[in-house]
Amino acid sequence: MSRMGAARVRMTANAKRGEVIEIRTLVQHPMESGFRLDNTGKAIARHIVETFHCSYNGREIFRARLYPAVSTNPFFTFYAVAADSGDFVFTWKDDQGGVATATSHLDVV
């Protein structure tokens, strides 16, 4: 069973057309590499977020592939140009079938 935690997004709710906006995202996840041992000496099973992507009005604008070297609770900051009012959809998927999603709306004036 996957242990995907809460997904958080921080971005402005309003922007002028053509303005560059900053988007910050974080998902709570243990990101176990598969190389650590527990207190009895057994290997802790690998459990990582493998992909993250963001779409803006149905069009993908950002994608990342993650590997075991990424720390717990992956955090991303990236930028987008405010073209039209619409929704940003953020999706994280891990290697055990877990999925976390978040949506934020942007009003372009």
PDB file of N, CA and C in Angstrom:
ATOM      1  N   MET A   1       0.836  -1.187   0.000  1.00  0.00           N
ATOM      2  CA  MET A   1       0.000   0.000   0.000  1.00  0.00           C
ATOM      3  C   MET A   1       0.876   1.244   0.000  1.00  0.00           C
ATOM      4  N   SER A   2       0.522   2.191  -0.775  1.00  0.00           N
ATOM      5  CA  SER A   2       1.292   3.421  -0.895  1.00  0.00           C
ATOM      6  C   SER A   2       1.014   4.362   0.275  1.00  0.00           C
ATOM      7  N   ARG A   3       2.020   5.133   0.625  1.00  0.00           N
ATOM      8  CA  ARG A   3       1.875   6.111   1.698  1.00  0.00           C
ATOM      9  C   ARG A   3       2.015   7.524   1.152  1.00  0.00           C
ATOM     10  N   MET A   4       1.281   7.836   0.098  1.00  0.00           N
ATOM     11  CA  MET A   4       1.317   9.192  -0.448  1.00  0.00           C
ATOM     12  C   MET A   4       0.608  10.098   0.551  1.00  0.00           C
ATOM     13  N   GLY A   5       1.240  11.212   0.851  1.00  0.00           N
ATOM     14  CA  GLY A   5       0.654  12.149   1.795  1.00  0.00           C
ATOM     15  C   GLY A   5      -0.005  13.316   1.098  1.00  0.00           C
ATOM     16  N   ALA A   6      -0.205  14.353   1.855  1.00  0.00           N
ATOM     17  CA  ALA A   6      -0.870  15.544   1.339  1.00  0.00           C
ATOM     18  C   ALA A   6      -0.012  16.257   0.301  1.00  0.00           C
ATOM     19  N   ALA A   7      -0.675  16.772  -0.710  1.00  0.00           N
ATOM     20  CA  ALA A   7      -0.006  17.560  -1.750  1.00  0.00           C
ATOM     21  C   ALA A   7      -0.324  19.028  -1.489  1.00  0.00           C
ATOM     22  N   ARG A   8       0.687  19.869  -1.592  1.00  0.00           N
ATOM     23  CA  ARG A   8       0.496  21.303  -1.348  1.00  0.00           C
ATOM     24  C   ARG A   8       1.008  22.106  -2.534  1.00  0.00           C
ATOM     25  N   VAL A   9       0.265  23.155  -2.849  1.00  0.00           N
ATOM     26  CA  VAL A   9       0.649  24.046  -3.945  1.00  0.00           C
ATOM     27  C   VAL A   9       0.514  25.473  -3.460  1.00  0.00           C
ATOM     28  N   ARG A  10       1.503  26.294  -3.793  1.00  0.00           N
ATOM     29  CA  ARG A  10       1.431  27.718  -3.476  1.00  0.00           C
ATOM     30  C   ARG A  10       1.703  28.491  -4.765  1.00  0.00           C
ATOM     31  N   MET A  11       0.704  29.275  -5.167  1.00  0.00           N
ATOM     32  CA  MET A  11       0.820  30.131  -6.348  1.00  0.00           C
ATOM     33  C   MET A  11      -0.204  31.241  -6.226  1.00  0.00           C
ATOM     34  N   THR A  12      -0.026  32.293  -7.002  1.00  0.00           N
ATOM     35  CA  THR A  12      -0.963  33.399  -6.966  1.00  0.00           C
ATOM     36  C   THR A  12      -2.303  32.968  -7.560  1.00  0.00           C
ATOM     37  N   ALA A  13      -3.377  33.604  -7.127  1.00  0.00           N
ATOM     38  CA  ALA A  13      -4.705  33.292  -7.660  1.00  0.00           C
ATOM     39  C   ALA A  13      -5.070  34.204  -8.825  1.00  0.00           C
ATOM     40  N   ASN A  14      -4.370  35.345  -8.945  1.00  0.00           N
ATOM     41  CA  ASN A  14      -4.657  36.319 -10.003  1.00  0.00           C
ATOM     42  C   ASN A  14      -3.364  36.782 -10.637  1.00  0.00           C
ATOM     43  N   ALA A  15      -3.417  37.034 -11.944  1.00  0.00           N
ATOM     44  CA  ALA A  15      -2.237  37.537 -12.648  1.00  0.00           C
ATOM     45  C   ALA A  15      -2.683  38.286 -13.892  1.00  0.00           C
ATOM     46  N   LYS A  16      -1.804  39.159 -14.361  1.00  0.00           N
ATOM     47  CA  LYS A  16      -2.058  39.861 -15.623  1.00  0.00           C
ATOM     48  C   LYS A  16      -1.633  38.963 -16.779  1.00  0.00           C
ATOM     49  N   ARG A  17      -2.307  39.102 -17.909  1.00  0.00           N
ATOM     50  CA  ARG A  17      -1.966  38.321 -19.093  1.00  0.00           C
ATOM     51  C   ARG A  17      -0.489  38.569 -19.453  1.00  0.00           C
ATOM     52  N   GLY A  18       0.263  37.489 -19.658  1.00  0.00           N
ATOM     53  CA  GLY A  18       1.671  37.573 -20.002  1.00  0.00           C
ATOM     54  C   GLY A  18       2.614  37.619 -18.809  1.00  0.00           C
ATOM     55  N   GLU A  19       2.080  37.756 -17.607  1.00  0.00           N
ATOM     56  CA  GLU A  19       2.903  37.807 -16.400  1.00  0.00           C
ATOM     57  C   GLU A  19       3.475  36.424 -16.095  1.00  0.00           C
ATOM     58  N   VAL A  20       4.717  36.397 -15.623  1.00  0.00           N
ATOM     59  CA  VAL A  20       5.349  35.143 -15.214  1.00  0.00           C
ATOM     60  C   VAL A  20       5.022  34.925 -13.743  1.00  0.00           C
ATOM     61  N   ILE A  21       4.465  33.750 -13.436  1.00  0.00           N
ATOM     62  CA  ILE A  21       4.108  33.444 -12.052  1.00  0.00           C
ATOM     63  C   ILE A  21       4.980  32.316 -11.514  1.00  0.00           C
ATOM     64  N   GLU A  22       5.230  32.373 -10.212  1.00  0.00           N
ATOM     65  CA  GLU A  22       6.002  31.333  -9.539  1.00  0.00           C
ATOM     66  C   GLU A  22       5.042  30.307  -8.950  1.00  0.00           C
ATOM     67  N   ILE A  23       5.384  29.032  -9.107  1.00  0.00           N
ATOM     68  CA  ILE A  23       4.579  27.935  -8.576  1.00  0.00           C
ATOM     69  C   ILE A  23       5.480  27.087  -7.684  1.00  0.00           C
ATOM     70  N   ARG A  24       5.023  26.825  -6.461  1.00  0.00           N
ATOM     71  CA  ARG A  24       5.769  25.988  -5.527  1.00  0.00           C
ATOM     72  C   ARG A  24       4.903  24.784  -5.166  1.00  0.00           C
ATOM     73  N   THR A  25       5.476  23.599  -5.230  1.00  0.00           N
ATOM     74  CA  THR A  25       4.724  22.385  -4.912  1.00  0.00           C
ATOM     75  C   THR A  25       5.512  21.505  -3.953  1.00  0.00           C
ATOM     76  N   LEU A  26       4.775  20.741  -3.151  1.00  0.00           N
ATOM     77  CA  LEU A  26       5.381  19.801  -2.214  1.00  0.00           C
ATOM     78  C   LEU A  26       4.401  18.654  -2.016  1.00  0.00           C
ATOM     79  N   VAL A  27       4.907  17.445  -1.926  1.00  0.00           N
ATOM     80  CA  VAL A  27       4.077  16.291  -1.576  1.00  0.00           C
ATOM     81  C   VAL A  27       4.760  15.563  -0.424  1.00  0.00           C
ATOM     82  N   GLN A  28       3.976  15.152   0.546  1.00  0.00           N
ATOM     83  CA  GLN A  28       4.529  14.389   1.668  1.00  0.00           C
ATOM     84  C   GLN A  28       4.712  12.943   1.228  1.00  0.00           C
ATOM     85  N   HIS A  29       5.958  12.475   1.310  1.00  0.00           N
ATOM     86  CA  HIS A  29       6.273  11.119   0.876  1.00  0.00           C
ATOM     87  C   HIS A  29       7.581  10.683   1.526  1.00  0.00           C
ATOM     88  N   PRO A  30       7.693   9.409   1.973  1.00  0.00           N
ATOM     89  CA  PRO A  30       8.908   8.971   2.678  1.00  0.00           C
ATOM     90  C   PRO A  30      10.147   8.853   1.794  1.00  0.00           C
ATOM     91  N   MET A  31       9.985   8.627   0.484  1.00  0.00           N
ATOM     92  CA  MET A  31      11.109   8.510  -0.449  1.00  0.00           C
ATOM     93  C   MET A  31      12.194   7.566   0.068  1.00  0.00           C
ATOM     94  N   GLU A  32      11.820   6.312   0.280  1.00  0.00           N
ATOM     95  CA  GLU A  32      12.788   5.293   0.705  1.00  0.00           C
ATOM     96  C   GLU A  32      13.551   4.785  -0.516  1.00  0.00           C
ATOM     97  N   SER A  33      14.859   4.853  -0.464  1.00  0.00           N
ATOM     98  CA  SER A  33      15.712   4.506  -1.604  1.00  0.00           C
ATOM     99  C   SER A  33      15.835   3.004  -1.854  1.00  0.00           C
ATOM    100  N   GLY A  34      15.591   2.197  -0.828  1.00  0.00           N
ATOM    101  CA  GLY A  34      15.792   0.757  -0.955  1.00  0.00           C
ATOM    102  C   GLY A  34      17.176   0.331  -0.501  1.00  0.00           C
ATOM    103  N   PHE A  35      18.014   1.278  -0.114  1.00  0.00           N
ATOM    104  CA  PHE A  35      19.386   0.981   0.309  1.00  0.00           C
ATOM    105  C   PHE A  35      19.568   1.020   1.822  1.00  0.00           C
ATOM    106  N   ARG A  36      18.598   1.595   2.540  1.00  0.00           N
ATOM    107  CA  ARG A  36      18.722   1.700   4.000  1.00  0.00           C
ATOM    108  C   ARG A  36      18.293   0.399   4.673  1.00  0.00           C
ATOM    109  N   LEU A  37      18.778   0.197   5.892  1.00  0.00           N
ATOM    110  CA  LEU A  37      18.428  -0.972   6.688  1.00  0.00           C
ATOM    111  C   LEU A  37      17.633  -0.522   7.906  1.00  0.00           C
ATOM    112  N   ASP A  38      16.700  -1.387   8.351  1.00  0.00           N
ATOM    113  CA  ASP A  38      15.970  -1.067   9.577  1.00  0.00           C
ATOM    114  C   ASP A  38      16.819  -1.466  10.779  1.00  0.00           C
ATOM    115  N   ASN A  39      16.263  -1.349  11.998  1.00  0.00           N
ATOM    116  CA  ASN A  39      17.059  -1.622  13.207  1.00  0.00           C
ATOM    117  C   ASN A  39      17.376  -3.105  13.406  1.00  0.00           C
ATOM    118  N   THR A  40      16.780  -3.999  12.602  1.00  0.00           N
ATOM    119  CA  THR A  40      17.113  -5.420  12.688  1.00  0.00           C
ATOM    120  C   THR A  40      18.047  -5.859  11.564  1.00  0.00           C
ATOM    121  N   GLY A  41      18.432  -4.939  10.695  1.00  0.00           N
ATOM    122  CA  GLY A  41      19.350  -5.249   9.622  1.00  0.00           C
ATOM    123  C   GLY A  41      18.702  -5.626   8.309  1.00  0.00           C
ATOM    124  N   LYS A  42      17.369  -5.606   8.247  1.00  0.00           N
ATOM    125  CA  LYS A  42      16.667  -5.922   6.996  1.00  0.00           C
ATOM    126  C   LYS A  42      16.580  -4.668   6.132  1.00  0.00           C
ATOM    127  N   ALA A  43      16.648  -4.889   4.832  1.00  0.00           N
ATOM    128  CA  ALA A  43      16.540  -3.758   3.901  1.00  0.00           C
ATOM    129  C   ALA A  43      15.117  -3.189   3.920  1.00  0.00           C
ATOM    130  N   ILE A  44      15.027  -1.867   3.928  1.00  0.00           N
ATOM    131  CA  ILE A  44      13.728  -1.196   3.839  1.00  0.00           C
ATOM    132  C   ILE A  44      13.385  -1.119   2.357  1.00  0.00           C
ATOM    133  N   ALA A  45      12.199  -1.572   2.012  1.00  0.00           N
ATOM    134  CA  ALA A  45      11.793  -1.642   0.608  1.00  0.00           C
ATOM    135  C   ALA A  45      11.796  -0.261  -0.057  1.00  0.00           C
ATOM    136  N   ARG A  46      12.178  -0.257  -1.312  1.00  0.00           N
ATOM    137  CA  ARG A  46      12.175   0.989  -2.097  1.00  0.00           C
ATOM    138  C   ARG A  46      10.738   1.515  -2.217  1.00  0.00           C
ATOM    139  N   HIS A  47      10.579   2.814  -2.054  1.00  0.00           N
ATOM    140  CA  HIS A  47       9.265   3.461  -2.182  1.00  0.00           C
ATOM    141  C   HIS A  47       9.519   4.935  -2.501  1.00  0.00           C
ATOM    142  N   ILE A  48       9.464   5.277  -3.797  1.00  0.00           N
ATOM    143  CA  ILE A  48       9.768   6.641  -4.208  1.00  0.00           C
ATOM    144  C   ILE A  48       8.676   7.199  -5.122  1.00  0.00           C
ATOM    145  N   VAL A  49       8.588   8.521  -5.156  1.00  0.00           N
ATOM    146  CA  VAL A  49       7.772   9.181  -6.161  1.00  0.00           C
ATOM    147  C   VAL A  49       8.575   9.085  -7.451  1.00  0.00           C
ATOM    148  N   GLU A  50       7.955   8.562  -8.504  1.00  0.00           N
ATOM    149  CA  GLU A  50       8.668   8.384  -9.767  1.00  0.00           C
ATOM    150  C   GLU A  50       8.442   9.539 -10.738  1.00  0.00           C
ATOM    151  N   THR A  51       7.236  10.098 -10.751  1.00  0.00           N
ATOM    152  CA  THR A  51       6.957  11.182 -11.697  1.00  0.00           C
ATOM    153  C   THR A  51       6.133  12.281 -11.057  1.00  0.00           C
ATOM    154  N   PHE A  52       6.337  13.475 -11.568  1.00  0.00           N
ATOM    155  CA  PHE A  52       5.531  14.638 -11.210  1.00  0.00           C
ATOM    156  C   PHE A  52       5.256  15.388 -12.500  1.00  0.00           C
ATOM    157  N   HIS A  53       4.017  15.802 -12.699  1.00  0.00           N
ATOM    158  CA  HIS A  53       3.753  16.659 -13.843  1.00  0.00           C
ATOM    159  C   HIS A  53       2.648  17.655 -13.522  1.00  0.00           C
ATOM    160  N   CYS A  54       2.695  18.754 -14.269  1.00  0.00           N
ATOM    161  CA  CYS A  54       1.751  19.849 -14.096  1.00  0.00           C
ATOM    162  C   CYS A  54       1.160  20.196 -15.449  1.00  0.00           C
ATOM    163  N   SER A  55      -0.158  20.348 -15.503  1.00  0.00           N
ATOM    164  CA  SER A  55      -0.803  20.801 -16.736  1.00  0.00           C
ATOM    165  C   SER A  55      -1.576  22.089 -16.449  1.00  0.00           C
ATOM    166  N   TYR A  56      -1.641  22.931 -17.470  1.00  0.00           N
ATOM    167  CA  TYR A  56      -2.323  24.225 -17.389  1.00  0.00           C
ATOM    168  C   TYR A  56      -3.357  24.238 -18.497  1.00  0.00           C
ATOM    169  N   ASN A  57      -4.620  24.250 -18.114  1.00  0.00           N
ATOM    170  CA  ASN A  57      -5.729  24.165 -19.069  1.00  0.00           C
ATOM    171  C   ASN A  57      -5.600  22.953 -19.992  1.00  0.00           C
ATOM    172  N   GLY A  58      -5.195  21.813 -19.416  1.00  0.00           N
ATOM    173  CA  GLY A  58      -5.107  20.570 -20.170  1.00  0.00           C
ATOM    174  C   GLY A  58      -3.817  20.364 -20.944  1.00  0.00           C
ATOM    175  N   ARG A  59      -2.929  21.337 -20.918  1.00  0.00           N
ATOM    176  CA  ARG A  59      -1.662  21.228 -21.657  1.00  0.00           C
ATOM    177  C   ARG A  59      -0.505  21.092 -20.670  1.00  0.00           C
ATOM    178  N   GLU A  60       0.309  20.048 -20.841  1.00  0.00           N
ATOM    179  CA  GLU A  60       1.423  19.829 -19.923  1.00  0.00           C
ATOM    180  C   GLU A  60       2.453  20.948 -20.054  1.00  0.00           C
ATOM    181  N   ILE A  61       2.830  21.519 -18.899  1.00  0.00           N
ATOM    182  CA  ILE A  61       3.824  22.596 -18.910  1.00  0.00           C
ATOM    183  C   ILE A  61       5.087  22.245 -18.129  1.00  0.00           C
ATOM    184  N   PHE A  62       5.030  21.205 -17.292  1.00  0.00           N
ATOM    185  CA  PHE A  62       6.198  20.828 -16.497  1.00  0.00           C
ATOM    186  C   PHE A  62       6.121  19.342 -16.203  1.00  0.00           C
ATOM    187  N   ARG A  63       7.267  18.671 -16.304  1.00  0.00           N
ATOM    188  CA  ARG A  63       7.343  17.245 -15.985  1.00  0.00           C
ATOM    189  C   ARG A  63       8.703  16.961 -15.365  1.00  0.00           C
ATOM    190  N   ALA A  64       8.718  16.076 -14.370  1.00  0.00           N
ATOM    191  CA  ALA A  64       9.973  15.667 -13.742  1.00  0.00           C
ATOM    192  C   ALA A  64       9.932  14.168 -13.471  1.00  0.00           C
ATOM    193  N   ARG A  65      11.069  13.519 -13.667  1.00  0.00           N
ATOM    194  CA  ARG A  65      11.225  12.114 -13.317  1.00  0.00           C
ATOM    195  C   ARG A  65      12.153  12.091 -12.108  1.00  0.00           C
ATOM    196  N   LEU A  66      11.740  11.406 -11.043  1.00  0.00           N
ATOM    197  CA  LEU A  66      12.497  11.388  -9.799  1.00  0.00           C
ATOM    198  C   LEU A  66      13.179  10.046  -9.603  1.00  0.00           C
ATOM    199  N   TYR A  67      14.258  10.057  -8.845  1.00  0.00           N
ATOM    200  CA  TYR A  67      15.075   8.873  -8.598  1.00  0.00           C
ATOM    201  C   TYR A  67      15.328   8.738  -7.099  1.00  0.00           C
ATOM    202  N   PRO A  68      15.909   7.608  -6.647  1.00  0.00           N
ATOM    203  CA  PRO A  68      16.097   7.380  -5.211  1.00  0.00           C
ATOM    204  C   PRO A  68      16.909   8.442  -4.476  1.00  0.00           C
ATOM    205  N   ALA A  69      17.710   9.221  -5.150  1.00  0.00           N
ATOM    206  CA  ALA A  69      18.529  10.230  -4.478  1.00  0.00           C
ATOM    207  C   ALA A  69      17.739  11.459  -4.041  1.00  0.00           C
ATOM    208  N   VAL A  70      16.472  11.573  -4.427  1.00  0.00           N
ATOM    209  CA  VAL A  70      15.645  12.723  -4.050  1.00  0.00           C
ATOM    210  C   VAL A  70      15.214  12.567  -2.591  1.00  0.00           C
ATOM    211  N   SER A  71      15.261  13.662  -1.846  1.00  0.00           N
ATOM    212  CA  SER A  71      14.958  13.604  -0.415  1.00  0.00           C
ATOM    213  C   SER A  71      13.467  13.443  -0.128  1.00  0.00           C
ATOM    214  N   THR A  72      13.171  13.173   1.121  1.00  0.00           N
ATOM    215  CA  THR A  72      11.805  13.058   1.606  1.00  0.00           C
ATOM    216  C   THR A  72      11.029  14.326   1.289  1.00  0.00           C
ATOM    217  N   ASN A  73       9.738  14.188   1.007  1.00  0.00           N
ATOM    218  CA  ASN A  73       8.837  15.303   0.711  1.00  0.00           C
ATOM    219  C   ASN A  73       9.348  16.170  -0.441  1.00  0.00           C
ATOM    220  N   PRO A  74       9.356  15.631  -1.661  1.00  0.00           N
ATOM    221  CA  PRO A  74       9.881  16.364  -2.823  1.00  0.00           C
ATOM    222  C   PRO A  74       9.216  17.736  -3.002  1.00  0.00           C
ATOM    223  N   PHE A  75      10.042  18.740  -3.243  1.00  0.00           N
ATOM    224  CA  PHE A  75       9.614  20.131  -3.386  1.00  0.00           C
ATOM    225  C   PHE A  75      10.095  20.651  -4.732  1.00  0.00           C
ATOM    226  N   PHE A  76       9.213  21.292  -5.480  1.00  0.00           N
ATOM    227  CA  PHE A  76       9.567  21.892  -6.771  1.00  0.00           C
ATOM    228  C   PHE A  76       9.139  23.342  -6.806  1.00  0.00           C
ATOM    229  N   THR A  77       9.968  24.169  -7.432  1.00  0.00           N
ATOM    230  CA  THR A  77       9.604  25.538  -7.764  1.00  0.00           C
ATOM    231  C   THR A  77       9.838  25.695  -9.252  1.00  0.00           C
ATOM    232  N   PHE A  78       8.828  26.208  -9.949  1.00  0.00           N
ATOM    233  CA  PHE A  78       8.965  26.469 -11.378  1.00  0.00           C
ATOM    234  C   PHE A  78       8.076  27.649 -11.746  1.00  0.00           C
ATOM    235  N   TYR A  79       8.150  28.076 -12.990  1.00  0.00           N
ATOM    236  CA  TYR A  79       7.461  29.284 -13.436  1.00  0.00           C
ATOM    237  C   TYR A  79       6.596  29.001 -14.653  1.00  0.00           C
ATOM    238  N   ALA A  80       5.540  29.785 -14.801  1.00  0.00           N
ATOM    239  CA  ALA A  80       4.648  29.667 -15.954  1.00  0.00           C
ATOM    240  C   ALA A  80       4.203  31.060 -16.370  1.00  0.00           C
ATOM    241  N   VAL A  81       3.829  31.195 -17.619  1.00  0.00           N
ATOM    242  CA  VAL A  81       3.309  32.461 -18.134  1.00  0.00           C
ATOM    243  C   VAL A  81       1.788  32.408 -18.070  1.00  0.00           C
ATOM    244  N   ALA A  82       1.183  33.421 -17.456  1.00  0.00           N
ATOM    245  CA  ALA A  82      -0.275  33.497 -17.356  1.00  0.00           C
ATOM    246  C   ALA A  82      -0.845  33.883 -18.714  1.00  0.00           C
ATOM    247  N   ALA A  83      -1.452  32.931 -19.398  1.00  0.00           N
ATOM    248  CA  ALA A  83      -2.005  33.174 -20.730  1.00  0.00           C
ATOM    249  C   ALA A  83      -3.516  33.371 -20.667  1.00  0.00           C
ATOM    250  N   ASP A  84      -4.207  32.455 -20.007  1.00  0.00           N
ATOM    251  CA  ASP A  84      -5.661  32.492 -19.896  1.00  0.00           C
ATOM    252  C   ASP A  84      -6.071  32.036 -18.502  1.00  0.00           C
ATOM    253  N   SER A  85      -7.256  32.413 -18.082  1.00  0.00           N
ATOM    254  CA  SER A  85      -7.797  31.895 -16.829  1.00  0.00           C
ATOM    255  C   SER A  85      -7.993  30.400 -16.980  1.00  0.00           C
ATOM    256  N   GLY A  86      -7.728  29.660 -15.922  1.00  0.00           N
ATOM    257  CA  GLY A  86      -7.907  28.220 -15.987  1.00  0.00           C
ATOM    258  C   GLY A  86      -7.287  27.508 -14.812  1.00  0.00           C
ATOM    259  N   ASP A  87      -7.283  26.187 -14.920  1.00  0.00           N
ATOM    260  CA  ASP A  87      -6.810  25.341 -13.828  1.00  0.00           C
ATOM    261  C   ASP A  87      -5.425  24.761 -14.096  1.00  0.00           C
ATOM    262  N   PHE A  88      -4.645  24.722 -13.029  1.00  0.00           N
ATOM    263  CA  PHE A  88      -3.378  24.003 -13.004  1.00  0.00           C
ATOM    264  C   PHE A  88      -3.662  22.695 -12.271  1.00  0.00           C
ATOM    265  N   VAL A  89      -3.291  21.577 -12.871  1.00  0.00           N
ATOM    266  CA  VAL A  89      -3.475  20.270 -12.244  1.00  0.00           C
ATOM    267  C   VAL A  89      -2.098  19.659 -12.021  1.00  0.00           C
ATOM    268  N   PHE A  90      -1.823  19.288 -10.783  1.00  0.00           N
ATOM    269  CA  PHE A  90      -0.533  18.740 -10.373  1.00  0.00           C
ATOM    270  C   PHE A  90      -0.727  17.277  -9.999  1.00  0.00           C
ATOM    271  N   THR A  91       0.139  16.386 -10.511  1.00  0.00           N
ATOM    272  CA  THR A  91       0.001  14.954 -10.253  1.00  0.00           C
ATOM    273  C   THR A  91       1.354  14.341  -9.915  1.00  0.00           C
ATOM    274  N   TRP A  92       1.397  13.626  -8.792  1.00  0.00           N
ATOM    275  CA  TRP A  92       2.567  12.880  -8.368  1.00  0.00           C
ATOM    276  C   TRP A  92       2.196  11.403  -8.399  1.00  0.00           C
ATOM    277  N   LYS A  93       3.082  10.521  -8.902  1.00  0.00           N
ATOM    278  CA  LYS A  93       2.846   9.075  -8.922  1.00  0.00           C
ATOM    279  C   LYS A  93       4.059   8.370  -8.338  1.00  0.00           C
ATOM    280  N   ASP A  94       3.796   7.396  -7.457  1.00  0.00           N
ATOM    281  CA  ASP A  94       4.919   6.659  -6.879  1.00  0.00           C
ATOM    282  C   ASP A  94       5.002   5.241  -7.426  1.00  0.00           C
ATOM    283  N   ASP A  95       6.053   4.530  -7.037  1.00  0.00           N
ATOM    284  CA  ASP A  95       6.320   3.202  -7.587  1.00  0.00           C
ATOM    285  C   ASP A  95       5.454   2.101  -6.982  1.00  0.00           C
ATOM    286  N   GLN A  96       4.571   2.437  -6.049  1.00  0.00           N
ATOM    287  CA  GLN A  96       3.670   1.443  -5.470  1.00  0.00           C
ATOM    288  C   GLN A  96       2.221   1.707  -5.868  1.00  0.00           C
ATOM    289  N   GLY A  97       2.024   2.524  -6.899  1.00  0.00           N
ATOM    290  CA  GLY A  97       0.678   2.793  -7.400  1.00  0.00           C
ATOM    291  C   GLY A  97      -0.023   3.969  -6.759  1.00  0.00           C
ATOM    292  N   GLY A  98       0.633   4.638  -5.852  1.00  0.00           N
ATOM    293  CA  GLY A  98       0.023   5.795  -5.194  1.00  0.00           C
ATOM    294  C   GLY A  98      -0.006   7.011  -6.107  1.00  0.00           C
ATOM    295  N   VAL A  99      -1.074   7.779  -6.002  1.00  0.00           N
ATOM    296  CA  VAL A  99      -1.222   8.991  -6.796  1.00  0.00           C
ATOM    297  C   VAL A  99      -1.727  10.095  -5.879  1.00  0.00           C
ATOM    298  N   ALA A 100      -1.119  11.263  -5.980  1.00  0.00           N
ATOM    299  CA  ALA A 100      -1.592  12.446  -5.269  1.00  0.00           C
ATOM    300  C   ALA A 100      -1.827  13.533  -6.308  1.00  0.00           C
ATOM    301  N   THR A 101      -2.934  14.250  -6.166  1.00  0.00           N
ATOM    302  CA  THR A 101      -3.233  15.331  -7.107  1.00  0.00           C
ATOM    303  C   THR A 101      -3.657  16.569  -6.343  1.00  0.00           C
ATOM    304  N   ALA A 102      -3.442  17.696  -6.981  1.00  0.00           N
ATOM    305  CA  ALA A 102      -3.888  18.982  -6.451  1.00  0.00           C
ATOM    306  C   ALA A 102      -4.256  19.851  -7.643  1.00  0.00           C
ATOM    307  N   THR A 103      -5.209  20.739  -7.433  1.00  0.00           N
ATOM    308  CA  THR A 103      -5.644  21.664  -8.492  1.00  0.00           C
ATOM    309  C   THR A 103      -5.672  23.074  -7.940  1.00  0.00           C
ATOM    310  N   SER A 104      -5.196  24.035  -8.722  1.00  0.00           N
ATOM    311  CA  SER A 104      -5.260  25.452  -8.365  1.00  0.00           C
ATOM    312  C   SER A 104      -5.789  26.227  -9.554  1.00  0.00           C
ATOM    313  N   HIS A 105      -6.647  27.197  -9.279  1.00  0.00           N
ATOM    314  CA  HIS A 105      -7.235  27.999 -10.335  1.00  0.00           C
ATOM    315  C   HIS A 105      -6.494  29.338 -10.436  1.00  0.00           C
ATOM    316  N   LEU A 106      -6.286  29.791 -11.659  1.00  0.00           N
ATOM    317  CA  LEU A 106      -5.654  31.083 -11.924  1.00  0.00           C
ATOM    318  C   LEU A 106      -6.630  31.949 -12.702  1.00  0.00           C
ATOM    319  N   ASP A 107      -6.899  33.152 -12.205  1.00  0.00           N
ATOM    320  CA  ASP A 107      -7.715  34.135 -12.924  1.00  0.00           C
ATOM    321  C   ASP A 107      -6.781  35.131 -13.598  1.00  0.00           C
ATOM    322  N   VAL A 108      -6.861  35.212 -14.921  1.00  0.00           N
ATOM    323  CA  VAL A 108      -6.040  36.136 -15.676  1.00  0.00           C
ATOM    324  C   VAL A 108      -6.900  37.350 -16.025  1.00  0.00           C
ATOM    325  N   VAL A 109      -6.360  38.531 -15.679  1.00  0.00           N
ATOM    326  CA  VAL A 109      -7.111  39.784 -15.935  1.00  0.00           C
ATOM    327  C   VAL A 109      -6.420  40.624 -16.988  1.00  0.00           C
TER     328      VAL A 109
END
